[in-house]
């Protein structure tokens, strides 16, 4: 079974061959392209993976590629490599959204480590996105009254204060609070407050 997909983009055939062979040895499934423009033709339907791209290429260069991926909202991490590296270029690469920047001649271990870090970030981002979606779905299960009480609880209102503010009995407030805690899967008010912050309902 092949490993994670790598999209290797370099205008020099010798570099594509050398890096492609090396990455294959490390267990990656490598697909090569002679230009960023050729890759962008298939980018929207590309399988999840990591891009390893030269910075200086005819047509769309590596830094412009990162910007185009961001514009298309494609979450493919990019490790840029360059044989003409300097500090301003490295800074520009990272500012553009590249995950890493490596100088040629490329050190095998350094490149594989950079790819692994980039993929770990993508997995972590996906986990956070799913967790956020789950939290939003839990909030949607609350009734309008429960949402009202949820907001007051996380703002620091006591059950007695909520009772007075909403002109309902303390027993009713407590009943709603119990429902809120259960639906939000929050074992304490502290957890509820953290959820409210992540949902953007209160400021940290």
N, C-alpha and C. Protein backbone atom coordinates (compact mmCIF):
# COMPACT_ATOMS: atom_id res chain seq x y z
N UNK A 1 0.85 -1.20 0.00
CA UNK A 1 0.00 0.00 0.00
C UNK A 1 0.89 1.25 0.00
N UNK A 2 0.58 2.21 -0.91
CA UNK A 2 1.41 3.41 -1.02
C UNK A 2 1.14 4.36 0.13
N UNK A 3 2.15 5.20 0.41
CA UNK A 3 2.03 6.16 1.50
C UNK A 3 1.34 7.42 1.06
N UNK A 4 1.46 8.48 1.86
CA UNK A 4 0.81 9.74 1.54
C UNK A 4 1.24 10.28 0.17
N UNK A 5 0.35 10.98 -0.50
CA UNK A 5 0.61 11.53 -1.84
C UNK A 5 1.49 12.79 -1.75
N UNK A 6 2.49 12.83 -2.60
CA UNK A 6 3.33 14.02 -2.72
C UNK A 6 3.23 14.53 -4.14
N UNK A 7 2.94 15.82 -4.29
CA UNK A 7 2.93 16.47 -5.60
C UNK A 7 4.24 17.22 -5.74
N UNK A 8 5.14 16.70 -6.55
CA UNK A 8 6.48 17.26 -6.70
C UNK A 8 6.52 18.14 -7.95
N UNK A 9 6.79 19.43 -7.76
CA UNK A 9 6.77 20.38 -8.87
C UNK A 9 8.12 21.05 -9.02
N UNK A 10 8.78 20.80 -10.15
CA UNK A 10 10.08 21.41 -10.42
C UNK A 10 10.29 21.41 -11.93
N UNK A 11 10.79 22.51 -12.47
CA UNK A 11 10.97 22.59 -13.92
C UNK A 11 12.19 21.81 -14.41
N UNK A 12 13.04 21.35 -13.50
CA UNK A 12 14.22 20.58 -13.88
C UNK A 12 13.93 19.08 -13.75
N UNK A 13 14.02 18.38 -14.87
CA UNK A 13 13.72 16.94 -14.89
C UNK A 13 14.63 16.16 -13.94
N UNK A 14 15.91 16.57 -13.85
CA UNK A 14 16.86 15.85 -12.99
C UNK A 14 16.46 15.96 -11.51
N UNK A 15 15.97 17.14 -11.12
CA UNK A 15 15.52 17.34 -9.74
C UNK A 15 14.26 16.51 -9.48
N UNK A 16 13.34 16.54 -10.43
CA UNK A 16 12.10 15.76 -10.27
C UNK A 16 12.42 14.28 -10.10
N UNK A 17 13.36 13.80 -10.91
CA UNK A 17 13.72 12.38 -10.85
C UNK A 17 14.39 12.04 -9.53
N UNK A 18 15.37 12.85 -9.14
CA UNK A 18 16.14 12.56 -7.91
C UNK A 18 15.26 12.62 -6.67
N UNK A 19 14.49 13.71 -6.53
CA UNK A 19 13.62 13.84 -5.36
C UNK A 19 12.49 12.82 -5.39
N UNK A 20 11.97 12.55 -6.59
CA UNK A 20 10.91 11.56 -6.72
C UNK A 20 11.36 10.18 -6.28
N UNK A 21 12.57 9.80 -6.69
CA UNK A 21 13.13 8.50 -6.28
C UNK A 21 13.32 8.44 -4.77
N UNK A 22 13.89 9.52 -4.23
CA UNK A 22 14.15 9.56 -2.79
C UNK A 22 12.85 9.45 -1.99
N UNK A 23 11.84 10.24 -2.37
CA UNK A 23 10.58 10.24 -1.63
C UNK A 23 9.86 8.89 -1.77
N UNK A 24 10.00 8.25 -2.91
CA UNK A 24 9.40 6.93 -3.10
C UNK A 24 10.03 5.91 -2.16
N UNK A 25 11.36 6.03 -1.98
CA UNK A 25 12.07 5.13 -1.07
C UNK A 25 11.53 5.29 0.35
N UNK A 26 11.14 6.53 0.71
CA UNK A 26 10.60 6.79 2.04
C UNK A 26 9.12 6.39 2.16
N UNK A 27 8.58 5.84 1.08
CA UNK A 27 7.22 5.31 1.14
C UNK A 27 6.13 6.25 0.66
N UNK A 28 6.52 7.40 0.08
CA UNK A 28 5.51 8.33 -0.42
C UNK A 28 5.06 7.96 -1.83
N UNK A 29 3.83 8.30 -2.13
CA UNK A 29 3.27 8.12 -3.48
C UNK A 29 3.49 9.44 -4.22
N UNK A 30 4.47 9.45 -5.14
CA UNK A 30 4.91 10.71 -5.75
C UNK A 30 4.32 10.91 -7.15
N UNK A 31 3.77 12.11 -7.36
CA UNK A 31 3.28 12.51 -8.69
C UNK A 31 4.04 13.77 -9.07
N UNK A 32 4.69 13.78 -10.25
CA UNK A 32 5.55 14.91 -10.62
C UNK A 32 4.92 15.80 -11.68
N UNK A 33 5.30 17.09 -11.61
CA UNK A 33 4.82 18.09 -12.57
C UNK A 33 5.99 18.99 -12.93
N UNK A 34 6.06 19.40 -14.21
CA UNK A 34 7.18 20.26 -14.64
C UNK A 34 6.90 21.73 -14.41
N UNK A 35 5.68 22.07 -13.99
CA UNK A 35 5.37 23.47 -13.70
C UNK A 35 4.19 23.56 -12.75
N UNK A 36 4.11 24.69 -12.05
CA UNK A 36 2.98 24.92 -11.15
C UNK A 36 1.69 25.03 -11.95
N UNK A 37 1.79 25.60 -13.15
CA UNK A 37 0.59 25.75 -13.98
C UNK A 37 -0.01 24.40 -14.35
N UNK A 38 0.86 23.41 -14.62
CA UNK A 38 0.35 22.07 -14.94
C UNK A 38 -0.34 21.45 -13.73
N UNK A 39 0.25 21.67 -12.55
CA UNK A 39 -0.38 21.14 -11.34
C UNK A 39 -1.73 21.81 -11.09
N UNK A 40 -1.79 23.12 -11.30
CA UNK A 40 -3.03 23.86 -11.03
C UNK A 40 -4.19 23.38 -11.92
N UNK A 41 -3.85 22.74 -13.04
CA UNK A 41 -4.90 22.20 -13.92
C UNK A 41 -5.67 21.08 -13.23
N UNK A 42 -5.01 20.37 -12.29
CA UNK A 42 -5.67 19.25 -11.61
C UNK A 42 -5.86 19.50 -10.11
N UNK A 43 -5.43 20.68 -9.65
CA UNK A 43 -5.42 20.96 -8.21
C UNK A 43 -6.78 20.82 -7.54
N UNK A 44 -7.84 21.26 -8.22
CA UNK A 44 -9.17 21.25 -7.60
C UNK A 44 -9.69 19.84 -7.33
N UNK A 45 -9.16 18.85 -8.05
CA UNK A 45 -9.62 17.48 -7.84
C UNK A 45 -8.51 16.60 -7.26
N UNK A 46 -7.41 17.23 -6.82
CA UNK A 46 -6.27 16.48 -6.29
C UNK A 46 -6.62 15.79 -4.98
N UNK A 47 -6.11 14.57 -4.81
CA UNK A 47 -6.30 13.84 -3.56
C UNK A 47 -5.51 14.54 -2.46
N UNK A 48 -5.89 14.36 -1.20
CA UNK A 48 -5.14 14.97 -0.10
C UNK A 48 -3.66 14.56 -0.16
N UNK A 49 -2.80 15.48 0.17
CA UNK A 49 -1.36 15.20 0.13
C UNK A 49 -0.58 16.45 0.46
N UNK A 50 0.69 16.46 0.06
CA UNK A 50 1.57 17.59 0.33
C UNK A 50 2.30 17.97 -0.96
N UNK A 51 2.42 19.27 -1.20
CA UNK A 51 3.12 19.76 -2.38
C UNK A 51 4.56 20.10 -2.01
N UNK A 52 5.49 19.63 -2.82
CA UNK A 52 6.89 20.05 -2.71
C UNK A 52 7.20 20.76 -4.02
N UNK A 53 7.45 22.08 -3.95
CA UNK A 53 7.59 22.86 -5.17
C UNK A 53 8.80 23.77 -5.15
N UNK A 54 9.44 23.90 -6.31
CA UNK A 54 10.54 24.86 -6.45
C UNK A 54 9.95 26.27 -6.39
N UNK A 55 10.75 27.21 -5.94
CA UNK A 55 10.28 28.59 -5.90
C UNK A 55 10.37 29.23 -7.27
N UNK A 56 11.54 29.13 -7.90
CA UNK A 56 11.77 29.79 -9.19
C UNK A 56 11.44 28.84 -10.33
N UNK A 57 10.32 29.11 -11.00
CA UNK A 57 9.91 28.30 -12.15
C UNK A 57 9.30 29.21 -13.21
N UNK A 58 9.39 28.83 -14.49
CA UNK A 58 8.69 29.60 -15.52
C UNK A 58 7.19 29.60 -15.25
N UNK A 59 6.52 30.68 -15.61
CA UNK A 59 5.09 30.77 -15.35
C UNK A 59 4.84 31.06 -13.88
N UNK A 60 3.85 30.42 -13.31
CA UNK A 60 3.53 30.61 -11.89
C UNK A 60 4.67 30.08 -11.03
N UNK A 61 5.23 30.93 -10.17
CA UNK A 61 6.33 30.45 -9.33
C UNK A 61 5.76 29.84 -8.04
N UNK A 62 6.67 29.34 -7.19
CA UNK A 62 6.23 28.63 -5.99
C UNK A 62 5.43 29.48 -5.04
N UNK A 63 5.85 30.72 -4.84
CA UNK A 63 5.14 31.61 -3.92
C UNK A 63 3.77 31.97 -4.47
N UNK A 64 3.70 32.21 -5.79
CA UNK A 64 2.40 32.50 -6.41
C UNK A 64 1.48 31.27 -6.33
N UNK A 65 2.06 30.09 -6.40
CA UNK A 65 1.28 28.85 -6.29
C UNK A 65 0.59 28.79 -4.92
N UNK A 66 1.34 29.11 -3.88
CA UNK A 66 0.76 29.09 -2.52
C UNK A 66 -0.43 30.05 -2.45
N UNK A 67 -0.26 31.23 -3.03
CA UNK A 67 -1.33 32.22 -3.02
C UNK A 67 -2.56 31.76 -3.79
N UNK A 68 -2.34 31.08 -4.92
CA UNK A 68 -3.45 30.59 -5.73
C UNK A 68 -4.20 29.47 -5.02
N UNK A 69 -3.48 28.62 -4.32
CA UNK A 69 -4.14 27.55 -3.55
C UNK A 69 -5.02 28.16 -2.46
N UNK A 70 -4.51 29.21 -1.81
CA UNK A 70 -5.30 29.88 -0.77
C UNK A 70 -6.54 30.52 -1.37
N UNK A 71 -6.38 31.12 -2.56
CA UNK A 71 -7.53 31.76 -3.22
C UNK A 71 -8.61 30.73 -3.54
N UNK A 72 -8.18 29.53 -3.91
CA UNK A 72 -9.13 28.46 -4.24
C UNK A 72 -9.62 27.71 -2.99
N UNK A 73 -9.08 28.11 -1.83
CA UNK A 73 -9.44 27.47 -0.56
C UNK A 73 -9.12 25.97 -0.57
N UNK A 74 -7.94 25.62 -1.11
CA UNK A 74 -7.48 24.24 -1.13
C UNK A 74 -6.47 24.04 0.00
N UNK A 75 -6.74 23.10 0.88
CA UNK A 75 -5.90 22.93 2.07
C UNK A 75 -4.79 21.91 1.81
N UNK A 76 -4.00 22.16 0.78
CA UNK A 76 -2.84 21.31 0.50
C UNK A 76 -1.60 22.02 1.02
N UNK A 77 -0.91 21.43 2.00
CA UNK A 77 0.29 22.09 2.53
C UNK A 77 1.39 22.14 1.47
N UNK A 78 2.23 23.17 1.56
CA UNK A 78 3.29 23.36 0.56
C UNK A 78 4.65 23.52 1.25
N UNK A 79 5.62 22.71 0.80
CA UNK A 79 7.01 22.87 1.21
C UNK A 79 7.75 23.41 0.00
N UNK A 80 8.30 24.61 0.11
CA UNK A 80 9.01 25.23 -1.01
C UNK A 80 10.51 24.93 -0.92
N UNK A 81 11.11 24.70 -2.07
CA UNK A 81 12.55 24.47 -2.13
C UNK A 81 13.16 25.45 -3.14
N UNK A 82 14.41 25.83 -2.91
CA UNK A 82 15.04 26.78 -3.82
C UNK A 82 16.56 26.64 -3.80
N UNK A 83 17.16 26.76 -4.97
CA UNK A 83 18.61 26.77 -5.07
C UNK A 83 19.17 28.16 -5.03
N UNK A 84 18.30 29.15 -4.95
CA UNK A 84 18.72 30.56 -4.93
C UNK A 84 18.16 31.24 -3.68
N UNK A 85 18.22 30.52 -2.57
CA UNK A 85 17.55 30.99 -1.36
C UNK A 85 18.27 32.17 -0.73
N UNK A 86 17.47 33.08 -0.21
CA UNK A 86 18.00 34.16 0.62
C UNK A 86 16.95 34.45 1.69
N UNK A 87 17.32 35.25 2.66
CA UNK A 87 16.40 35.51 3.79
C UNK A 87 15.10 36.15 3.33
N UNK A 88 15.13 37.22 2.48
CA UNK A 88 13.87 37.82 2.04
C UNK A 88 12.95 36.81 1.34
N UNK A 89 13.55 35.92 0.53
CA UNK A 89 12.74 34.92 -0.17
C UNK A 89 12.10 33.96 0.82
N UNK A 90 12.86 33.52 1.81
CA UNK A 90 12.34 32.61 2.82
C UNK A 90 11.20 33.26 3.59
N UNK A 91 11.38 34.53 3.95
CA UNK A 91 10.34 35.27 4.68
C UNK A 91 9.09 35.39 3.82
N UNK A 92 9.27 35.72 2.54
CA UNK A 92 8.14 35.87 1.62
C UNK A 92 7.39 34.54 1.47
N UNK A 93 8.16 33.45 1.44
CA UNK A 93 7.54 32.13 1.28
C UNK A 93 6.65 31.78 2.47
N UNK A 94 7.17 32.01 3.66
CA UNK A 94 6.39 31.69 4.86
C UNK A 94 5.20 32.63 5.01
N UNK A 95 5.41 33.92 4.71
CA UNK A 95 4.30 34.89 4.78
C UNK A 95 3.19 34.53 3.80
N UNK A 96 3.56 33.94 2.67
CA UNK A 96 2.55 33.59 1.66
C UNK A 96 1.69 32.42 2.12
N UNK A 97 2.18 31.68 3.12
CA UNK A 97 1.41 30.56 3.64
C UNK A 97 2.08 29.22 3.45
N UNK A 98 3.32 29.20 2.93
CA UNK A 98 4.05 27.94 2.78
C UNK A 98 4.33 27.35 4.16
N UNK A 99 4.34 26.04 4.25
CA UNK A 99 4.58 25.39 5.54
C UNK A 99 6.06 25.38 5.90
N UNK A 100 6.92 25.31 4.89
CA UNK A 100 8.36 25.28 5.16
C UNK A 100 9.12 25.75 3.93
N UNK A 101 10.39 26.02 4.11
CA UNK A 101 11.26 26.52 3.04
C UNK A 101 12.61 25.85 3.20
N UNK A 102 13.04 25.14 2.17
CA UNK A 102 14.29 24.37 2.25
C UNK A 102 15.20 24.74 1.07
N UNK A 103 16.48 24.92 1.38
CA UNK A 103 17.45 25.25 0.34
C UNK A 103 17.97 24.00 -0.35
N UNK A 104 18.23 24.14 -1.67
CA UNK A 104 18.91 23.08 -2.41
C UNK A 104 20.41 23.21 -2.16
N UNK A 105 21.21 22.13 -2.21
CA UNK A 105 20.74 20.75 -2.39
C UNK A 105 19.92 20.28 -1.19
N UNK A 106 18.82 19.64 -1.49
CA UNK A 106 17.86 19.26 -0.45
C UNK A 106 18.39 18.09 0.38
N UNK A 107 18.36 18.27 1.69
CA UNK A 107 18.72 17.19 2.60
C UNK A 107 17.50 16.28 2.76
N UNK A 108 17.70 14.98 2.50
CA UNK A 108 16.59 14.02 2.52
C UNK A 108 15.82 14.05 3.83
N UNK A 109 16.54 13.96 4.92
CA UNK A 109 15.91 13.90 6.24
C UNK A 109 15.15 15.19 6.53
N UNK A 110 15.75 16.33 6.16
CA UNK A 110 15.11 17.63 6.40
C UNK A 110 13.81 17.75 5.60
N UNK A 111 13.82 17.29 4.36
CA UNK A 111 12.61 17.37 3.53
C UNK A 111 11.51 16.47 4.06
N UNK A 112 11.85 15.24 4.39
CA UNK A 112 10.84 14.31 4.92
C UNK A 112 10.26 14.84 6.23
N UNK A 113 11.11 15.42 7.08
CA UNK A 113 10.63 15.99 8.34
C UNK A 113 9.67 17.14 8.08
N UNK A 114 10.00 17.98 7.09
CA UNK A 114 9.14 19.12 6.74
C UNK A 114 7.79 18.63 6.22
N UNK A 115 7.81 17.59 5.39
CA UNK A 115 6.56 17.02 4.85
C UNK A 115 5.71 16.46 5.99
N UNK A 116 6.34 15.74 6.89
CA UNK A 116 5.60 15.16 8.01
C UNK A 116 4.98 16.23 8.90
N UNK A 117 5.75 17.33 9.14
CA UNK A 117 5.20 18.44 9.95
C UNK A 117 4.00 19.08 9.25
N UNK A 118 4.14 19.27 7.94
CA UNK A 118 3.05 19.90 7.17
C UNK A 118 1.80 19.04 7.22
N UNK A 119 1.96 17.73 7.06
CA UNK A 119 0.79 16.85 7.10
C UNK A 119 0.19 16.77 8.49
N UNK A 120 1.04 16.80 9.51
CA UNK A 120 0.53 16.80 10.89
C UNK A 120 -0.31 18.04 11.15
N UNK A 121 0.12 19.18 10.60
CA UNK A 121 -0.65 20.42 10.77
C UNK A 121 -2.02 20.30 10.11
N UNK A 122 -2.04 19.73 8.90
CA UNK A 122 -3.31 19.56 8.19
C UNK A 122 -4.25 18.65 8.97
N UNK A 123 -3.71 17.55 9.52
CA UNK A 123 -4.54 16.64 10.31
C UNK A 123 -5.09 17.36 11.55
N UNK A 124 -4.23 18.17 12.19
CA UNK A 124 -4.66 18.90 13.39
C UNK A 124 -5.73 19.92 13.04
N UNK A 125 -5.54 20.62 11.91
CA UNK A 125 -6.53 21.60 11.46
C UNK A 125 -7.86 20.92 11.18
N UNK A 126 -7.81 19.74 10.56
CA UNK A 126 -9.04 19.01 10.24
C UNK A 126 -9.74 18.55 11.52
N UNK A 127 -8.96 18.10 12.49
CA UNK A 127 -9.54 17.70 13.78
C UNK A 127 -10.25 18.87 14.45
N UNK A 128 -9.58 20.06 14.40
CA UNK A 128 -10.19 21.26 15.00
C UNK A 128 -11.46 21.65 14.26
N UNK A 129 -11.43 21.53 12.93
CA UNK A 129 -12.61 21.90 12.13
C UNK A 129 -13.78 20.98 12.48
N UNK A 130 -13.50 19.69 12.59
CA UNK A 130 -14.56 18.74 12.93
C UNK A 130 -15.10 18.98 14.33
N UNK A 131 -14.19 19.29 15.26
CA UNK A 131 -14.62 19.58 16.63
C UNK A 131 -15.50 20.82 16.66
N UNK A 132 -15.13 21.83 15.86
CA UNK A 132 -15.92 23.06 15.81
C UNK A 132 -17.30 22.80 15.21
N UNK A 133 -17.33 21.98 14.17
CA UNK A 133 -18.61 21.63 13.55
C UNK A 133 -19.50 20.89 14.56
N UNK A 134 -18.89 19.98 15.32
CA UNK A 134 -19.65 19.23 16.32
C UNK A 134 -20.22 20.15 17.38
N UNK A 135 -19.43 21.14 17.78
CA UNK A 135 -19.86 22.10 18.79
C UNK A 135 -21.03 22.94 18.26
N UNK A 136 -20.92 23.37 17.02
CA UNK A 136 -22.00 24.17 16.41
C UNK A 136 -23.28 23.35 16.30
N UNK A 137 -23.14 22.07 15.98
CA UNK A 137 -24.32 21.20 15.87
C UNK A 137 -24.99 21.01 17.23
N UNK A 138 -24.17 20.92 18.29
CA UNK A 138 -24.74 20.80 19.64
C UNK A 138 -25.52 22.05 20.01
N UNK A 139 -24.96 23.21 19.67
CA UNK A 139 -25.64 24.47 19.97
C UNK A 139 -26.99 24.55 19.26
N UNK A 140 -27.04 24.02 18.04
CA UNK A 140 -28.29 24.05 17.25
C UNK A 140 -29.38 23.20 17.88
N UNK A 141 -28.98 22.25 18.74
CA UNK A 141 -29.98 21.39 19.40
C UNK A 141 -30.67 22.11 20.56
N UNK A 142 -30.12 23.23 21.00
CA UNK A 142 -30.74 23.98 22.09
C UNK A 142 -31.97 24.72 21.61
N UNK A 143 -32.97 24.81 22.47
CA UNK A 143 -34.15 25.62 22.15
C UNK A 143 -33.77 27.10 22.27
N UNK A 144 -34.66 27.97 21.79
CA UNK A 144 -34.40 29.41 21.87
C UNK A 144 -34.22 29.84 23.32
N UNK A 145 -35.02 29.31 24.23
CA UNK A 145 -34.91 29.65 25.65
C UNK A 145 -33.59 29.13 26.22
N UNK A 146 -33.20 27.92 25.82
CA UNK A 146 -31.94 27.35 26.30
C UNK A 146 -30.74 28.16 25.83
N UNK A 147 -30.80 28.64 24.58
CA UNK A 147 -29.72 29.48 24.07
C UNK A 147 -29.64 30.77 24.88
N UNK A 148 -30.81 31.33 25.22
CA UNK A 148 -30.87 32.55 26.02
C UNK A 148 -30.21 32.33 27.38
N UNK A 149 -30.53 31.21 28.01
CA UNK A 149 -29.97 30.89 29.33
C UNK A 149 -28.49 30.51 29.21
N UNK A 150 -28.13 29.80 28.16
CA UNK A 150 -26.73 29.47 27.88
C UNK A 150 -25.88 30.75 27.87
N UNK A 151 -26.34 31.76 27.13
CA UNK A 151 -25.59 33.01 27.03
C UNK A 151 -25.46 33.71 28.38
N UNK A 152 -26.51 33.65 29.18
CA UNK A 152 -26.46 34.30 30.49
C UNK A 152 -25.54 33.54 31.45
N UNK A 153 -25.58 32.21 31.40
CA UNK A 153 -24.71 31.41 32.27
C UNK A 153 -23.24 31.70 31.98
N UNK A 154 -22.88 31.72 30.70
CA UNK A 154 -21.46 31.92 30.36
C UNK A 154 -21.01 33.36 30.58
N UNK A 155 -21.98 34.26 30.74
CA UNK A 155 -21.63 35.65 31.08
C UNK A 155 -21.45 35.81 32.60
N UNK A 156 -21.77 34.74 33.36
CA UNK A 156 -21.55 34.78 34.80
C UNK A 156 -22.79 34.97 35.64
N UNK A 157 -23.96 34.95 35.03
CA UNK A 157 -25.20 35.11 35.79
C UNK A 157 -25.49 33.85 36.61
N UNK A 158 -25.91 34.01 37.84
CA UNK A 158 -26.33 32.89 38.67
C UNK A 158 -27.75 32.48 38.27
N UNK A 159 -28.17 31.32 38.73
CA UNK A 159 -29.54 30.87 38.44
C UNK A 159 -30.55 31.87 38.99
N UNK A 160 -30.27 32.40 40.20
CA UNK A 160 -31.18 33.37 40.80
C UNK A 160 -31.28 34.63 39.94
N UNK A 161 -30.14 35.10 39.46
CA UNK A 161 -30.13 36.32 38.63
C UNK A 161 -30.84 36.07 37.31
N UNK A 162 -30.65 34.87 36.74
CA UNK A 162 -31.33 34.54 35.47
C UNK A 162 -32.83 34.47 35.70
N UNK A 163 -33.21 33.90 36.83
CA UNK A 163 -34.63 33.80 37.18
C UNK A 163 -35.27 35.18 37.21
N UNK A 164 -34.61 36.14 37.85
CA UNK A 164 -35.14 37.50 37.94
C UNK A 164 -35.13 38.18 36.58
N UNK A 165 -34.08 38.00 35.83
CA UNK A 165 -33.93 38.67 34.54
C UNK A 165 -34.98 38.20 33.53
N UNK A 166 -35.27 36.89 33.54
CA UNK A 166 -36.21 36.34 32.57
C UNK A 166 -37.62 36.15 33.13
N UNK A 167 -37.79 36.49 34.40
CA UNK A 167 -39.10 36.37 35.06
C UNK A 167 -39.64 34.93 34.99
N UNK A 168 -38.77 33.98 35.29
CA UNK A 168 -39.16 32.58 35.38
C UNK A 168 -38.64 32.03 36.71
N UNK A 169 -39.16 30.89 37.13
CA UNK A 169 -38.76 30.34 38.43
C UNK A 169 -37.34 29.80 38.40
N UNK A 170 -36.72 29.77 39.56
CA UNK A 170 -35.37 29.21 39.67
C UNK A 170 -35.39 27.74 39.25
N UNK A 171 -36.45 27.04 39.61
CA UNK A 171 -36.55 25.62 39.25
C UNK A 171 -36.53 25.46 37.72
N UNK A 172 -37.23 26.36 37.02
CA UNK A 172 -37.25 26.31 35.55
C UNK A 172 -35.86 26.59 34.99
N UNK A 173 -35.18 27.56 35.58
CA UNK A 173 -33.81 27.89 35.15
C UNK A 173 -32.90 26.67 35.32
N UNK A 174 -32.99 26.05 36.50
CA UNK A 174 -32.15 24.89 36.79
C UNK A 174 -32.44 23.74 35.83
N UNK A 175 -33.72 23.57 35.49
CA UNK A 175 -34.11 22.52 34.55
C UNK A 175 -33.49 22.78 33.18
N UNK A 176 -33.57 24.04 32.74
CA UNK A 176 -32.97 24.42 31.45
C UNK A 176 -31.45 24.25 31.49
N UNK A 177 -30.84 24.63 32.60
CA UNK A 177 -29.38 24.50 32.72
C UNK A 177 -28.96 23.05 32.60
N UNK A 178 -29.71 22.17 33.22
CA UNK A 178 -29.39 20.74 33.15
C UNK A 178 -29.48 20.24 31.70
N UNK A 179 -30.50 20.70 30.98
CA UNK A 179 -30.66 20.33 29.57
C UNK A 179 -29.50 20.87 28.73
N UNK A 180 -29.12 22.10 29.03
CA UNK A 180 -28.02 22.73 28.30
C UNK A 180 -26.72 21.94 28.50
N UNK A 181 -26.42 21.61 29.74
CA UNK A 181 -25.19 20.87 30.04
C UNK A 181 -25.18 19.52 29.33
N UNK A 182 -26.34 18.86 29.30
CA UNK A 182 -26.42 17.55 28.66
C UNK A 182 -26.26 17.67 27.15
N UNK A 183 -26.99 18.60 26.54
CA UNK A 183 -26.93 18.75 25.08
C UNK A 183 -25.57 19.23 24.59
N UNK A 184 -24.93 20.09 25.38
CA UNK A 184 -23.61 20.61 24.99
C UNK A 184 -22.48 19.67 25.42
N UNK A 185 -22.84 18.60 26.13
CA UNK A 185 -21.85 17.63 26.63
C UNK A 185 -20.76 18.34 27.44
N UNK A 186 -21.22 19.22 28.32
CA UNK A 186 -20.31 19.99 29.18
C UNK A 186 -20.47 19.52 30.61
N UNK A 187 -19.38 19.09 31.22
CA UNK A 187 -19.46 18.57 32.59
C UNK A 187 -19.36 19.66 33.64
N UNK A 188 -19.09 20.89 33.23
CA UNK A 188 -19.00 21.99 34.19
C UNK A 188 -19.26 23.31 33.48
N UNK A 189 -19.49 24.35 34.28
CA UNK A 189 -19.69 25.69 33.71
C UNK A 189 -18.41 26.16 33.01
N UNK A 190 -17.25 25.77 33.55
CA UNK A 190 -15.98 26.17 32.93
C UNK A 190 -15.89 25.64 31.49
N UNK A 191 -16.32 24.40 31.30
CA UNK A 191 -16.32 23.82 29.95
C UNK A 191 -17.30 24.58 29.06
N UNK A 192 -18.46 24.93 29.62
CA UNK A 192 -19.46 25.68 28.89
C UNK A 192 -18.92 27.04 28.44
N UNK A 193 -18.18 27.68 29.31
CA UNK A 193 -17.58 28.99 28.99
C UNK A 193 -16.57 28.83 27.84
N UNK A 194 -15.73 27.79 27.91
CA UNK A 194 -14.75 27.57 26.83
C UNK A 194 -15.46 27.30 25.51
N UNK A 195 -16.58 26.57 25.57
CA UNK A 195 -17.34 26.31 24.36
C UNK A 195 -17.91 27.61 23.79
N UNK A 196 -18.40 28.46 24.67
CA UNK A 196 -18.96 29.74 24.23
C UNK A 196 -17.90 30.61 23.55
N UNK A 197 -16.68 30.56 24.07
CA UNK A 197 -15.58 31.32 23.46
C UNK A 197 -15.29 30.77 22.06
N UNK A 198 -15.21 29.44 21.94
CA UNK A 198 -14.93 28.82 20.64
C UNK A 198 -16.06 29.09 19.63
N UNK A 199 -17.27 29.25 20.15
CA UNK A 199 -18.42 29.54 19.28
C UNK A 199 -18.53 31.02 18.96
N UNK A 200 -17.70 31.83 19.59
CA UNK A 200 -17.72 33.26 19.34
C UNK A 200 -18.87 34.00 20.01
N UNK A 201 -19.47 33.37 21.04
CA UNK A 201 -20.62 34.00 21.72
C UNK A 201 -20.16 34.93 22.84
N UNK A 202 -18.93 34.72 23.33
CA UNK A 202 -18.33 35.66 24.27
C UNK A 202 -16.86 35.82 23.91
N UNK A 203 -16.27 36.93 24.35
CA UNK A 203 -14.85 37.17 24.09
C UNK A 203 -14.00 36.54 25.19
N UNK A 204 -12.84 36.02 24.81
CA UNK A 204 -11.97 35.42 25.84
C UNK A 204 -11.42 36.47 26.79
